[in-house]
Amino acid sequence: MKLHLLRTVTSTEAEFSRALRLTRDVTISGAPPGFEVSNNRAALSITLAATSDLELGSLRMQRLRVEIIGLRGEQDDQQRLLACIDRTMQRGGG
């Protein structure tokens, strides 16, 4: 069974792309709105789509819908690759 996830993140396409490209030991191809991220054991397709902004009082943050689909490898390997990407893209605290 291949990985298939939908997420919503507060980010612009440019911010997402910049943070994604910091991931180590992977090959990244593509540009917004679509990427392929792979290592020697798995590959993931990542597709971005703009969604409604998040509004908190007078603060407005852009949001993206992120679809992640496993392309190659076992599901466990796909999840490990995604965990590596997630660690790299973590921001802030709390």
C-alpha atoms as a PDB file:
ATOM      1  CA  MET A   1       0.000   0.000   0.000  1.00  0.00           C
ATOM      2  CA  LYS A   2       1.395   3.370  -0.896  1.00  0.00           C
ATOM      3  CA  LEU A   3       1.373   6.474   1.251  1.00  0.00           C
ATOM      4  CA  HIS A   4      -1.322   9.089   0.544  1.00  0.00           C
ATOM      5  CA  LEU A   5      -1.700  12.091   2.855  1.00  0.00           C
ATOM      6  CA  LEU A   6      -3.382  15.489   2.737  1.00  0.00           C
ATOM      7  CA  ARG A   7      -2.121  18.294   4.958  1.00  0.00           C
ATOM      8  CA  THR A   8      -2.736  21.993   5.381  1.00  0.00           C
ATOM      9  CA  VAL A   9       0.304  24.147   6.207  1.00  0.00           C
ATOM     10  CA  THR A  10       0.777  27.868   6.799  1.00  0.00           C
ATOM     11  CA  SER A  11       3.318  28.741   4.138  1.00  0.00           C
ATOM     12  CA  THR A  12       3.700  30.302   0.725  1.00  0.00           C
ATOM     13  CA  GLU A  13       4.835  28.150  -2.210  1.00  0.00           C
ATOM     14  CA  ALA A  14       8.204  29.944  -2.162  1.00  0.00           C
ATOM     15  CA  GLU A  15       8.712  29.316   1.572  1.00  0.00           C
ATOM     16  CA  PHE A  16       7.711  25.676   1.206  1.00  0.00           C
ATOM     17  CA  SER A  17      10.067  25.164  -1.740  1.00  0.00           C
ATOM     18  CA  ARG A  18      12.984  26.839   0.051  1.00  0.00           C
ATOM     19  CA  ALA A  19      12.491  24.764   3.217  1.00  0.00           C
ATOM     20  CA  LEU A  20      12.015  21.517   1.256  1.00  0.00           C
ATOM     21  CA  ARG A  21      15.320  22.032  -0.554  1.00  0.00           C
ATOM     22  CA  LEU A  22      17.155  22.053   2.798  1.00  0.00           C
ATOM     23  CA  THR A  23      16.406  18.337   3.255  1.00  0.00           C
ATOM     24  CA  ARG A  24      19.653  16.368   3.263  1.00  0.00           C
ATOM     25  CA  ASP A  25      20.483  13.137   1.452  1.00  0.00           C
ATOM     26  CA  VAL A  26      17.555  13.349  -0.979  1.00  0.00           C
ATOM     27  CA  THR A  27      17.074  14.244  -4.622  1.00  0.00           C
ATOM     28  CA  ILE A  28      14.451  16.903  -5.290  1.00  0.00           C
ATOM     29  CA  SER A  29      13.079  17.672  -8.725  1.00  0.00           C
ATOM     30  CA  GLY A  30      10.327  20.007  -9.819  1.00  0.00           C
ATOM     31  CA  ALA A  31       9.128  23.398  -8.692  1.00  0.00           C
ATOM     32  CA  PRO A  32       5.899  24.713  -7.231  1.00  0.00           C
ATOM     33  CA  PRO A  33       3.280  23.399  -7.410  1.00  0.00           C
ATOM     34  CA  GLY A  34       4.787  19.900  -7.820  1.00  0.00           C
ATOM     35  CA  PHE A  35       7.894  18.131  -6.528  1.00  0.00           C
ATOM     36  CA  GLU A  36       9.336  14.653  -6.508  1.00  0.00           C
ATOM     37  CA  VAL A  37      11.534  13.831  -3.525  1.00  0.00           C
ATOM     38  CA  SER A  38      13.519  10.603  -3.458  1.00  0.00           C
ATOM     39  CA  ASN A  39      16.325   8.740  -1.780  1.00  0.00           C
ATOM     40  CA  ASN A  40      17.771   5.321  -2.550  1.00  0.00           C
ATOM     41  CA  ARG A  41      14.768   3.518  -0.978  1.00  0.00           C
ATOM     42  CA  ALA A  42      11.626   5.581  -1.697  1.00  0.00           C
ATOM     43  CA  ALA A  43      10.111   8.410  -3.703  1.00  0.00           C
ATOM     44  CA  LEU A  44       7.302  10.827  -2.888  1.00  0.00           C
ATOM     45  CA  SER A  45       5.221  13.186  -5.008  1.00  0.00           C
ATOM     46  CA  ILE A  46       4.375  16.462  -3.257  1.00  0.00           C
ATOM     47  CA  THR A  47       1.730  18.721  -4.793  1.00  0.00           C
ATOM     48  CA  LEU A  48       0.798  22.159  -3.456  1.00  0.00           C
ATOM     49  CA  ALA A  49      -2.465  24.063  -3.880  1.00  0.00           C
ATOM     50  CA  ALA A  50      -3.382  27.435  -2.399  1.00  0.00           C
ATOM     51  CA  THR A  51      -6.294  27.396   0.021  1.00  0.00           C
ATOM     52  CA  SER A  52      -8.017  30.023   2.149  1.00  0.00           C
ATOM     53  CA  ASP A  53      -5.830  32.202   4.346  1.00  0.00           C
ATOM     54  CA  LEU A  54      -5.734  31.652   8.095  1.00  0.00           C
ATOM     55  CA  GLU A  55      -6.957  34.781   9.886  1.00  0.00           C
ATOM     56  CA  LEU A  56      -6.205  35.394  13.555  1.00  0.00           C
ATOM     57  CA  GLY A  57      -7.468  38.856  14.433  1.00  0.00           C
ATOM     58  CA  SER A  58      -5.612  41.230  12.141  1.00  0.00           C
ATOM     59  CA  LEU A  59      -2.975  38.589  11.292  1.00  0.00           C
ATOM     60  CA  ARG A  60      -3.405  36.820   7.951  1.00  0.00           C
ATOM     61  CA  MET A  61      -1.248  33.844   6.939  1.00  0.00           C
ATOM     62  CA  GLN A  62      -1.231  32.072   3.610  1.00  0.00           C
ATOM     63  CA  ARG A  63      -2.071  28.385   3.661  1.00  0.00           C
ATOM     64  CA  LEU A  64      -1.329  25.536   1.294  1.00  0.00           C
ATOM     65  CA  ARG A  65      -2.995  22.188   0.835  1.00  0.00           C
ATOM     66  CA  VAL A  66      -0.206  19.623   0.502  1.00  0.00           C
ATOM     67  CA  GLU A  67      -0.862  16.241  -1.090  1.00  0.00           C
ATOM     68  CA  ILE A  68       1.819  13.605  -0.529  1.00  0.00           C
ATOM     69  CA  ILE A  69       1.749  10.382  -2.529  1.00  0.00           C
ATOM     70  CA  GLY A  70       4.196   7.493  -2.364  1.00  0.00           C
ATOM     71  CA  LEU A  71       5.630   6.722  -5.799  1.00  0.00           C
ATOM     72  CA  ARG A  72       8.274   4.100  -5.109  1.00  0.00           C
ATOM     73  CA  GLY A  73       9.411   1.906  -2.248  1.00  0.00           C
ATOM     74  CA  GLU A  74       7.715   0.201   0.661  1.00  0.00           C
ATOM     75  CA  GLN A  75       5.303   2.256   2.756  1.00  0.00           C
ATOM     76  CA  ASP A  76       7.673   2.128   5.764  1.00  0.00           C
ATOM     77  CA  ASP A  77      10.474   3.585   3.613  1.00  0.00           C
ATOM     78  CA  GLN A  78       8.121   6.266   2.297  1.00  0.00           C
ATOM     79  CA  GLN A  79       7.171   7.196   5.876  1.00  0.00           C
ATOM     80  CA  ARG A  80      10.848   7.389   6.897  1.00  0.00           C
ATOM     81  CA  LEU A  81      11.528   9.707   3.946  1.00  0.00           C
ATOM     82  CA  LEU A  82       8.568  11.884   4.939  1.00  0.00           C
ATOM     83  CA  ALA A  83       9.792  11.998   8.558  1.00  0.00           C
ATOM     84  CA  CYS A  84      13.168  13.268   7.320  1.00  0.00           C
ATOM     85  CA  ILE A  85      11.420  15.986   5.291  1.00  0.00           C
ATOM     86  CA  ASP A  86       9.214  16.900   8.268  1.00  0.00           C
ATOM     87  CA  ARG A  87      12.229  17.290  10.582  1.00  0.00           C
ATOM     88  CA  THR A  88      13.909  19.604   8.096  1.00  0.00           C
ATOM     89  CA  MET A  89      10.818  21.736   7.551  1.00  0.00           C
ATOM     90  CA  GLN A  90       9.932  22.184  11.248  1.00  0.00           C
ATOM     91  CA  ARG A  91       9.627  25.820  12.247  1.00  0.00           C
ATOM     92  CA  GLY A  92       9.198  27.660  15.487  1.00  0.00           C
ATOM     93  CA  GLY A  93       8.456  26.042  18.783  1.00  0.00           C
ATOM     94  CA  GLY A  94       5.601  25.369  21.091  1.00  0.00           C
END
